[in-house]
Amino acid sequence: MSAVEIRGFAPTDAEALEAFWVRCGLRIRPGDDAASLVRFAERNPGLFLLAHESGRIVGSALAGWDGRRGWLYHVGTDPRRRRAGLGRALVSAIETRLRALGCPKLNLMVWEDNDAAMAFWLALATAASRRWNSPRSSKSSSARRARTSGDRSLASIVDRTRKSPAPGRAL
């Protein structure tokens, strides 16, 4: 395999990125159209990363920061490139960039029925902190909070809020 290059999103990436997300099993939702992605990249400079290999998108991670907390979206890797550290590298790059902006914590949401993604996030958070609160529940969700220390990880919440919609159906 050739070297993987991690770089920022460019408007010309939008069509290939949508095809990549479908290949990865990520749901295409409102706000994932080309115009919205360009707007997102403009509002969050340096926080919309793509991994490229041999001219093809093999990974993605989008982050936004509102001045209080960061949010991480659409972290995905090509199914043939999984378990090789690419997802971890993308998340690490996002964390580094958010820390440089002064972001103290990073939130993410994972669809309840996405077991592979949940396993990825739990392993990543466990490796960073090794300390967990017990799962807590509310009327609409159950969450696990990772307590993190210093620079080890920004990941603070993995929230299993609701089941994903049927393919092709937005909420």
N, C-alpha and C. Protein backbone atom coordinates (compact mmCIF):
# COMPACT_ATOMS: atom_id res chain seq x y z
N MET A 1 0.84 -1.18 0.00
CA MET A 1 0.00 0.00 0.00
C MET A 1 0.88 1.24 0.00
N SER A 2 0.41 2.28 -0.67
CA SER A 2 1.17 3.53 -0.70
C SER A 2 0.92 4.32 0.58
N ALA A 3 1.70 5.39 0.72
CA ALA A 3 1.59 6.22 1.91
C ALA A 3 0.25 6.93 1.97
N VAL A 4 -0.24 7.13 3.17
CA VAL A 4 -1.48 7.85 3.40
C VAL A 4 -1.15 9.30 3.72
N GLU A 5 -1.85 10.22 3.07
CA GLU A 5 -1.69 11.64 3.31
C GLU A 5 -2.95 12.16 3.99
N ILE A 6 -2.78 12.84 5.12
CA ILE A 6 -3.91 13.48 5.79
C ILE A 6 -3.85 14.96 5.44
N ARG A 7 -4.97 15.45 4.90
CA ARG A 7 -5.03 16.86 4.50
C ARG A 7 -6.45 17.38 4.72
N GLY A 8 -6.60 18.68 4.57
CA GLY A 8 -7.89 19.31 4.73
C GLY A 8 -8.82 19.05 3.57
N PHE A 9 -10.09 19.15 3.84
CA PHE A 9 -11.15 19.03 2.83
C PHE A 9 -11.04 20.17 1.83
N ALA A 10 -11.29 19.85 0.58
CA ALA A 10 -11.41 20.85 -0.49
C ALA A 10 -12.78 20.66 -1.14
N PRO A 11 -13.40 21.73 -1.61
CA PRO A 11 -14.73 21.61 -2.23
C PRO A 11 -14.80 20.53 -3.31
N THR A 12 -13.71 20.30 -4.00
CA THR A 12 -13.71 19.27 -5.06
C THR A 12 -13.78 17.85 -4.49
N ASP A 13 -13.64 17.70 -3.17
CA ASP A 13 -13.71 16.38 -2.53
C ASP A 13 -15.13 15.92 -2.24
N ALA A 14 -16.11 16.81 -2.33
CA ALA A 14 -17.46 16.53 -1.84
C ALA A 14 -18.08 15.27 -2.45
N GLU A 15 -18.05 15.13 -3.74
CA GLU A 15 -18.69 13.98 -4.38
C GLU A 15 -18.01 12.67 -3.98
N ALA A 16 -16.68 12.64 -4.02
CA ALA A 16 -15.95 11.43 -3.63
C ALA A 16 -16.14 11.13 -2.15
N LEU A 17 -16.28 12.18 -1.34
CA LEU A 17 -16.48 11.98 0.10
C LEU A 17 -17.82 11.32 0.38
N GLU A 18 -18.86 11.74 -0.30
CA GLU A 18 -20.17 11.12 -0.12
C GLU A 18 -20.11 9.63 -0.49
N ALA A 19 -19.46 9.32 -1.60
CA ALA A 19 -19.32 7.91 -2.01
C ALA A 19 -18.50 7.14 -0.97
N PHE A 20 -17.49 7.76 -0.41
CA PHE A 20 -16.68 7.13 0.64
C PHE A 20 -17.54 6.83 1.87
N TRP A 21 -18.34 7.81 2.30
CA TRP A 21 -19.17 7.60 3.48
C TRP A 21 -20.16 6.45 3.26
N VAL A 22 -20.73 6.36 2.08
CA VAL A 22 -21.64 5.25 1.77
C VAL A 22 -20.87 3.93 1.84
N ARG A 23 -19.68 3.89 1.27
CA ARG A 23 -18.84 2.67 1.29
C ARG A 23 -18.50 2.26 2.72
N CYS A 24 -18.36 3.25 3.60
CA CYS A 24 -18.01 2.97 5.01
C CYS A 24 -19.22 2.62 5.86
N GLY A 25 -20.42 2.83 5.32
CA GLY A 25 -21.62 2.57 6.10
C GLY A 25 -22.07 3.76 6.93
N LEU A 26 -21.48 4.95 6.70
CA LEU A 26 -21.93 6.14 7.41
C LEU A 26 -23.22 6.64 6.77
N ARG A 27 -24.12 7.11 7.57
CA ARG A 27 -25.40 7.59 7.07
C ARG A 27 -25.23 8.99 6.47
N ILE A 28 -25.78 9.22 5.30
CA ILE A 28 -25.81 10.53 4.68
C ILE A 28 -27.06 11.23 5.21
N ARG A 29 -26.84 12.36 5.83
CA ARG A 29 -27.92 13.06 6.52
C ARG A 29 -28.05 14.49 6.02
N PRO A 30 -29.11 15.18 6.39
CA PRO A 30 -29.20 16.60 6.05
C PRO A 30 -27.94 17.32 6.55
N GLY A 31 -27.39 18.17 5.73
CA GLY A 31 -26.16 18.86 6.08
C GLY A 31 -24.92 18.19 5.52
N ASP A 32 -25.10 17.05 4.86
CA ASP A 32 -23.96 16.35 4.27
C ASP A 32 -23.84 16.62 2.76
N ASP A 33 -24.62 17.55 2.25
CA ASP A 33 -24.53 17.92 0.83
C ASP A 33 -23.29 18.78 0.62
N ALA A 34 -22.87 18.94 -0.63
CA ALA A 34 -21.63 19.65 -0.97
C ALA A 34 -21.60 21.07 -0.41
N ALA A 35 -22.68 21.82 -0.58
CA ALA A 35 -22.70 23.22 -0.12
C ALA A 35 -22.54 23.28 1.41
N SER A 36 -23.20 22.39 2.12
CA SER A 36 -23.10 22.38 3.59
C SER A 36 -21.70 21.99 4.05
N LEU A 37 -21.07 21.04 3.35
CA LEU A 37 -19.72 20.64 3.71
C LEU A 37 -18.72 21.77 3.49
N VAL A 38 -18.87 22.50 2.41
CA VAL A 38 -18.00 23.65 2.15
C VAL A 38 -18.18 24.69 3.26
N ARG A 39 -19.43 24.97 3.62
CA ARG A 39 -19.71 25.92 4.70
C ARG A 39 -19.09 25.46 6.02
N PHE A 40 -19.22 24.17 6.31
CA PHE A 40 -18.66 23.60 7.53
C PHE A 40 -17.14 23.79 7.55
N ALA A 41 -16.48 23.49 6.43
CA ALA A 41 -15.02 23.63 6.35
C ALA A 41 -14.61 25.09 6.52
N GLU A 42 -15.37 26.02 5.98
CA GLU A 42 -15.05 27.44 6.12
C GLU A 42 -15.21 27.91 7.56
N ARG A 43 -16.21 27.41 8.25
CA ARG A 43 -16.47 27.79 9.65
C ARG A 43 -15.50 27.12 10.63
N ASN A 44 -14.88 26.03 10.21
CA ASN A 44 -14.01 25.25 11.09
C ASN A 44 -12.68 24.97 10.39
N PRO A 45 -11.91 26.02 10.08
CA PRO A 45 -10.68 25.82 9.31
C PRO A 45 -9.72 24.85 10.01
N GLY A 46 -9.20 23.92 9.23
CA GLY A 46 -8.24 22.95 9.73
C GLY A 46 -8.84 21.81 10.52
N LEU A 47 -10.17 21.76 10.62
CA LEU A 47 -10.82 20.73 11.44
C LEU A 47 -11.66 19.75 10.61
N PHE A 48 -11.47 19.73 9.31
CA PHE A 48 -12.19 18.83 8.42
C PHE A 48 -11.11 18.09 7.65
N LEU A 49 -10.76 16.91 8.13
CA LEU A 49 -9.61 16.17 7.60
C LEU A 49 -10.02 14.96 6.79
N LEU A 50 -9.27 14.73 5.74
CA LEU A 50 -9.44 13.54 4.91
C LEU A 50 -8.10 12.83 4.79
N ALA A 51 -8.15 11.51 4.78
CA ALA A 51 -6.96 10.71 4.52
C ALA A 51 -7.06 10.21 3.09
N HIS A 52 -5.98 10.39 2.34
CA HIS A 52 -5.94 9.97 0.93
C HIS A 52 -4.83 8.95 0.74
N GLU A 53 -5.12 7.97 -0.09
CA GLU A 53 -4.12 6.96 -0.46
C GLU A 53 -4.31 6.67 -1.95
N SER A 54 -3.25 6.82 -2.71
CA SER A 54 -3.31 6.58 -4.16
C SER A 54 -4.46 7.34 -4.82
N GLY A 55 -4.67 8.59 -4.40
CA GLY A 55 -5.71 9.43 -5.00
C GLY A 55 -7.12 9.14 -4.56
N ARG A 56 -7.30 8.25 -3.58
CA ARG A 56 -8.63 7.85 -3.10
C ARG A 56 -8.80 8.23 -1.64
N ILE A 57 -10.00 8.65 -1.26
CA ILE A 57 -10.28 8.94 0.14
C ILE A 57 -10.38 7.62 0.90
N VAL A 58 -9.60 7.49 1.97
CA VAL A 58 -9.63 6.27 2.79
C VAL A 58 -9.96 6.57 4.26
N GLY A 59 -10.17 7.85 4.58
CA GLY A 59 -10.54 8.21 5.94
C GLY A 59 -11.06 9.62 6.02
N SER A 60 -11.90 9.87 7.03
CA SER A 60 -12.44 11.22 7.24
C SER A 60 -12.68 11.47 8.72
N ALA A 61 -12.60 12.74 9.09
CA ALA A 61 -12.96 13.19 10.44
C ALA A 61 -13.28 14.68 10.34
N LEU A 62 -14.43 15.07 10.85
CA LEU A 62 -14.86 16.46 10.84
C LEU A 62 -15.01 16.89 12.29
N ALA A 63 -14.55 18.09 12.61
CA ALA A 63 -14.74 18.62 13.96
C ALA A 63 -15.16 20.07 13.88
N GLY A 64 -15.96 20.46 14.84
CA GLY A 64 -16.35 21.85 14.98
C GLY A 64 -16.15 22.26 16.43
N TRP A 65 -15.95 23.55 16.66
CA TRP A 65 -15.77 24.05 18.02
C TRP A 65 -16.56 25.33 18.16
N ASP A 66 -17.41 25.39 19.17
CA ASP A 66 -18.26 26.56 19.38
C ASP A 66 -17.70 27.52 20.41
N GLY A 67 -16.47 27.29 20.85
CA GLY A 67 -15.85 28.12 21.87
C GLY A 67 -16.00 27.54 23.27
N ARG A 68 -16.85 26.57 23.42
CA ARG A 68 -17.09 25.91 24.71
C ARG A 68 -16.68 24.45 24.67
N ARG A 69 -17.11 23.76 23.62
CA ARG A 69 -16.77 22.35 23.46
C ARG A 69 -16.68 22.02 21.98
N GLY A 70 -15.92 20.98 21.69
CA GLY A 70 -15.80 20.52 20.31
C GLY A 70 -16.76 19.38 20.06
N TRP A 71 -17.07 19.19 18.79
CA TRP A 71 -17.90 18.07 18.35
C TRP A 71 -17.18 17.37 17.22
N LEU A 72 -17.22 16.07 17.24
CA LEU A 72 -16.56 15.26 16.22
C LEU A 72 -17.62 14.50 15.43
N TYR A 73 -17.50 14.55 14.11
CA TYR A 73 -18.49 13.94 13.22
C TYR A 73 -17.81 13.08 12.16
N HIS A 74 -18.53 12.14 11.65
CA HIS A 74 -18.16 11.35 10.46
C HIS A 74 -16.71 10.87 10.46
N VAL A 75 -16.31 10.27 11.58
CA VAL A 75 -15.01 9.61 11.59
C VAL A 75 -15.23 8.26 10.93
N GLY A 76 -14.51 8.04 9.85
CA GLY A 76 -14.67 6.78 9.12
C GLY A 76 -13.38 6.39 8.43
N THR A 77 -13.21 5.11 8.26
CA THR A 77 -12.07 4.60 7.49
C THR A 77 -12.58 3.58 6.49
N ASP A 78 -11.88 3.50 5.39
CA ASP A 78 -12.22 2.53 4.36
C ASP A 78 -12.23 1.14 5.00
N PRO A 79 -13.25 0.33 4.73
CA PRO A 79 -13.32 -1.00 5.35
C PRO A 79 -12.05 -1.84 5.17
N ARG A 80 -11.33 -1.64 4.07
CA ARG A 80 -10.09 -2.41 3.85
C ARG A 80 -8.91 -1.85 4.63
N ARG A 81 -9.06 -0.66 5.23
CA ARG A 81 -7.97 -0.03 5.96
C ARG A 81 -8.21 0.01 7.47
N ARG A 82 -9.26 -0.64 7.92
CA ARG A 82 -9.59 -0.61 9.35
C ARG A 82 -8.59 -1.42 10.16
N ARG A 83 -8.48 -1.03 11.42
CA ARG A 83 -7.61 -1.70 12.40
C ARG A 83 -6.13 -1.54 12.04
N ALA A 84 -5.81 -0.45 11.32
CA ALA A 84 -4.42 -0.17 10.96
C ALA A 84 -3.96 1.16 11.56
N GLY A 85 -4.78 1.76 12.43
CA GLY A 85 -4.39 3.00 13.10
C GLY A 85 -4.80 4.28 12.39
N LEU A 86 -5.49 4.17 11.26
CA LEU A 86 -5.86 5.35 10.51
C LEU A 86 -6.92 6.18 11.25
N GLY A 87 -7.94 5.55 11.78
CA GLY A 87 -8.96 6.27 12.55
C GLY A 87 -8.34 6.95 13.76
N ARG A 88 -7.47 6.25 14.45
CA ARG A 88 -6.78 6.80 15.61
C ARG A 88 -5.93 8.02 15.20
N ALA A 89 -5.26 7.93 14.04
CA ALA A 89 -4.43 9.05 13.57
C ALA A 89 -5.29 10.28 13.24
N LEU A 90 -6.43 10.06 12.62
CA LEU A 90 -7.33 11.18 12.31
C LEU A 90 -7.85 11.84 13.58
N VAL A 91 -8.27 11.03 14.55
CA VAL A 91 -8.77 11.58 15.80
C VAL A 91 -7.66 12.32 16.54
N SER A 92 -6.46 11.78 16.56
CA SER A 92 -5.33 12.43 17.21
C SER A 92 -5.03 13.79 16.56
N ALA A 93 -5.07 13.84 15.23
CA ALA A 93 -4.83 15.11 14.53
C ALA A 93 -5.89 16.14 14.89
N ILE A 94 -7.15 15.71 14.95
CA ILE A 94 -8.24 16.61 15.33
C ILE A 94 -8.03 17.09 16.77
N GLU A 95 -7.72 16.17 17.69
CA GLU A 95 -7.50 16.55 19.09
C GLU A 95 -6.39 17.59 19.21
N THR A 96 -5.30 17.37 18.51
CA THR A 96 -4.16 18.29 18.56
C THR A 96 -4.58 19.68 18.07
N ARG A 97 -5.33 19.73 16.99
CA ARG A 97 -5.76 21.01 16.44
C ARG A 97 -6.75 21.71 17.36
N LEU A 98 -7.66 20.96 17.96
CA LEU A 98 -8.61 21.58 18.89
C LEU A 98 -7.90 22.08 20.14
N ARG A 99 -6.96 21.32 20.66
CA ARG A 99 -6.20 21.78 21.83
C ARG A 99 -5.48 23.09 21.53
N ALA A 100 -4.90 23.20 20.33
CA ALA A 100 -4.20 24.42 19.94
C ALA A 100 -5.13 25.62 19.92
N LEU A 101 -6.43 25.39 19.68
CA LEU A 101 -7.42 26.46 19.70
C LEU A 101 -7.91 26.77 21.11
N GLY A 102 -7.54 25.93 22.08
CA GLY A 102 -7.99 26.11 23.46
C GLY A 102 -9.22 25.31 23.83
N CYS A 103 -9.60 24.37 23.01
CA CYS A 103 -10.78 23.55 23.26
C CYS A 103 -10.51 22.57 24.40
N PRO A 104 -11.30 22.62 25.47
CA PRO A 104 -11.04 21.75 26.62
C PRO A 104 -11.68 20.37 26.56
N LYS A 105 -12.71 20.19 25.71
CA LYS A 105 -13.34 18.86 25.65
C LYS A 105 -13.98 18.65 24.29
N LEU A 106 -14.08 17.39 23.94
CA LEU A 106 -14.59 16.99 22.63
C LEU A 106 -15.70 15.98 22.83
N ASN A 107 -16.85 16.24 22.23
CA ASN A 107 -18.00 15.34 22.32
C ASN A 107 -18.23 14.65 20.99
N LEU A 108 -18.86 13.49 21.07
CA LEU A 108 -19.24 12.78 19.85
C LEU A 108 -20.49 11.98 20.14
N MET A 109 -21.20 11.64 19.09
CA MET A 109 -22.37 10.78 19.22
C MET A 109 -22.20 9.60 18.28
N VAL A 110 -22.66 8.45 18.75
CA VAL A 110 -22.57 7.22 17.97
C VAL A 110 -23.96 6.59 17.94
N TRP A 111 -24.41 6.20 16.76
CA TRP A 111 -25.71 5.52 16.67
C TRP A 111 -25.67 4.27 17.52
N GLU A 112 -26.73 4.02 18.23
CA GLU A 112 -26.82 2.91 19.16
C GLU A 112 -26.55 1.56 18.51
N ASP A 113 -26.95 1.39 17.26
CA ASP A 113 -26.78 0.10 16.61
C ASP A 113 -25.46 -0.02 15.83
N ASN A 114 -24.56 0.94 15.98
CA ASN A 114 -23.28 0.88 15.29
C ASN A 114 -22.22 0.29 16.23
N ASP A 115 -22.26 -1.02 16.36
CA ASP A 115 -21.37 -1.70 17.32
C ASP A 115 -19.89 -1.51 17.00
N ALA A 116 -19.52 -1.50 15.73
CA ALA A 116 -18.11 -1.34 15.36
C ALA A 116 -17.61 0.04 15.78
N ALA A 117 -18.40 1.07 15.54
CA ALA A 117 -17.99 2.42 15.94
C ALA A 117 -17.91 2.52 17.46
N MET A 118 -18.90 1.96 18.15
CA MET A 118 -18.87 2.02 19.61
C MET A 118 -17.63 1.32 20.15
N ALA A 119 -17.28 0.18 19.59
CA ALA A 119 -16.08 -0.53 20.04
C ALA A 119 -14.83 0.32 19.80
N PHE A 120 -14.75 0.99 18.65
CA PHE A 120 -13.62 1.88 18.35
C PHE A 120 -13.50 2.96 19.41
N TRP A 121 -14.61 3.67 19.68
CA TRP A 121 -14.56 4.79 20.63
C TRP A 121 -14.28 4.33 22.05
N LEU A 122 -14.87 3.22 22.44
CA LEU A 122 -14.61 2.72 23.79
C LEU A 122 -13.15 2.30 23.94
N ALA A 123 -12.58 1.66 22.94
CA ALA A 123 -11.18 1.27 23.00
C ALA A 123 -10.27 2.50 23.03
N LEU A 124 -10.59 3.50 22.23
CA LEU A 124 -9.79 4.71 22.19
C LEU A 124 -9.84 5.44 23.53
N ALA A 125 -11.01 5.57 24.09
CA ALA A 125 -11.15 6.25 25.38
C ALA A 125 -10.53 5.43 26.51
N THR A 126 -10.70 4.12 26.47
CA THR A 126 -10.13 3.27 27.50
C THR A 126 -8.61 3.34 27.47
N ALA A 127 -8.04 3.33 26.29
CA ALA A 127 -6.59 3.43 26.16
C ALA A 127 -6.10 4.76 26.72
N ALA A 128 -6.90 5.81 26.58
CA ALA A 128 -6.50 7.13 27.04
C ALA A 128 -6.64 7.29 28.54
N SER A 129 -7.69 6.76 29.12
CA SER A 129 -7.95 7.07 30.52
C SER A 129 -7.92 5.89 31.48
N ARG A 130 -8.34 4.72 31.04
CA ARG A 130 -8.45 3.53 31.88
C ARG A 130 -9.38 3.72 33.08
N ARG A 131 -10.11 4.83 33.12
CA ARG A 131 -11.06 5.07 34.20
C ARG A 131 -12.41 5.42 33.60
N TRP A 132 -13.44 4.73 34.03
CA TRP A 132 -14.78 4.95 33.51
C TRP A 132 -15.76 5.16 34.63
N ASN A 133 -16.73 6.00 34.36
CA ASN A 133 -17.91 6.06 35.22
C ASN A 133 -18.81 4.92 34.82
N SER A 134 -19.69 4.53 35.69
CA SER A 134 -20.69 3.53 35.32
C SER A 134 -21.62 4.14 34.29
N PRO A 135 -22.18 3.31 33.40
CA PRO A 135 -23.15 3.85 32.45
C PRO A 135 -24.28 4.52 33.22
N ARG A 136 -24.72 5.67 32.72
CA ARG A 136 -25.85 6.35 33.35
C ARG A 136 -26.99 6.34 32.36
N SER A 137 -28.17 6.40 32.86
CA SER A 137 -29.29 6.38 31.93
C SER A 137 -30.23 7.53 32.21
N SER A 138 -30.93 7.93 31.19
CA SER A 138 -31.97 8.94 31.31
C SER A 138 -33.17 8.43 30.52
N LYS A 139 -34.18 9.25 30.40
CA LYS A 139 -35.37 8.82 29.67
C LYS A 139 -35.05 8.47 28.22
N SER A 140 -34.13 9.21 27.59
CA SER A 140 -33.92 9.01 26.16
C SER A 140 -32.56 8.45 25.79
N SER A 141 -31.65 8.31 26.75
CA SER A 141 -30.33 7.85 26.33
C SER A 141 -29.58 7.18 27.47
N SER A 142 -28.57 6.46 27.08
CA SER A 142 -27.61 5.96 28.05
C SER A 142 -26.26 6.42 27.55
N ALA A 143 -25.39 6.78 28.45
CA ALA A 143 -24.09 7.31 28.04
C ALA A 143 -23.01 6.74 28.92
N ARG A 144 -21.85 6.73 28.39
CA ARG A 144 -20.66 6.37 29.16
C ARG A 144 -19.75 7.57 29.10
N ARG A 145 -19.25 7.99 30.23
CA ARG A 145 -18.34 9.12 30.27
C ARG A 145 -16.94 8.62 30.56
N ALA A 146 -16.05 9.07 29.77
CA ALA A 146 -14.64 8.76 30.01
C ALA A 146 -14.05 9.93 30.78
N ARG A 147 -13.47 9.66 31.92
CA ARG A 147 -12.74 10.70 32.61
C ARG A 147 -11.35 10.74 32.00
N THR A 148 -10.94 11.92 31.66
CA THR A 148 -9.65 12.03 31.01
C THR A 148 -8.73 12.91 31.84
N SER A 149 -7.46 12.72 31.67
CA SER A 149 -6.51 13.52 32.42
C SER A 149 -5.60 14.27 31.47
N GLY A 150 -5.52 15.57 31.69
CA GLY A 150 -4.60 16.42 30.96
C GLY A 150 -4.66 16.24 29.47
N ASP A 151 -3.52 15.99 28.89
CA ASP A 151 -3.40 15.91 27.43
C ASP A 151 -3.70 14.53 26.89
N ARG A 152 -4.12 13.59 27.71
CA ARG A 152 -4.25 12.22 27.22
C ARG A 152 -5.37 12.06 26.23
N SER A 153 -6.51 12.72 26.44
CA SER A 153 -7.61 12.60 25.49
C SER A 153 -8.63 13.69 25.73
N LEU A 154 -9.20 14.20 24.66
CA LEU A 154 -10.30 15.15 24.78
C LEU A 154 -11.65 14.46 24.79
N ALA A 155 -11.68 13.19 24.38
CA ALA A 155 -12.98 12.50 24.26
C ALA A 155 -13.65 12.43 25.62
N SER A 156 -14.82 13.02 25.73
CA SER A 156 -15.49 13.04 27.02
C SER A 156 -16.80 12.28 27.04
N ILE A 157 -17.46 12.16 25.91
CA ILE A 157 -18.77 11.50 25.93
C ILE A 157 -18.90 10.60 24.71
N VAL A 158 -19.35 9.41 24.94
CA VAL A 158 -19.83 8.56 23.86
C VAL A 158 -21.31 8.38 24.18
N ASP A 159 -22.16 8.97 23.38
CA ASP A 159 -23.58 9.03 23.69
C ASP A 159 -24.36 8.14 22.73
N ARG A 160 -25.05 7.17 23.28
CA ARG A 160 -25.87 6.26 22.48
C ARG A 160 -27.31 6.74 22.59
N THR A 161 -27.63 7.78 21.82
CA THR A 161 -28.91 8.45 22.03
C THR A 161 -30.10 7.80 21.36
N ARG A 162 -29.94 7.25 20.18
CA ARG A 162 -31.10 6.68 19.50
C ARG A 162 -30.64 5.74 18.41
N LYS A 163 -31.53 4.91 18.00
CA LYS A 163 -31.20 3.99 16.90
C LYS A 163 -31.14 4.79 15.61
N SER A 164 -30.29 4.32 14.71
CA SER A 164 -30.16 5.02 13.43
C SER A 164 -31.40 4.79 12.58
N PRO A 165 -31.67 5.75 11.68
CA PRO A 165 -32.83 5.59 10.80
C PRO A 165 -32.55 4.48 9.78
N ALA A 166 -33.60 4.03 9.18
CA ALA A 166 -33.43 3.05 8.10
C ALA A 166 -32.59 3.68 7.01
N PRO A 167 -31.80 2.88 6.30
CA PRO A 167 -30.96 3.44 5.24
C PRO A 167 -31.80 4.29 4.28
N GLY A 168 -31.24 5.46 3.93
CA GLY A 168 -31.93 6.35 3.00
C GLY A 168 -33.00 7.21 3.63
N ARG A 169 -33.18 7.09 4.95
CA ARG A 169 -34.22 7.86 5.63
C ARG A 169 -33.58 8.76 6.68
N ALA A 170 -33.75 10.04 6.57
CA ALA A 170 -33.23 10.99 7.55
C ALA A 170 -34.24 11.15 8.68
N LEU A 171 -33.75 11.55 9.83
CA LEU A 171 -34.66 11.83 10.95
C LEU A 171 -35.29 13.18 10.80
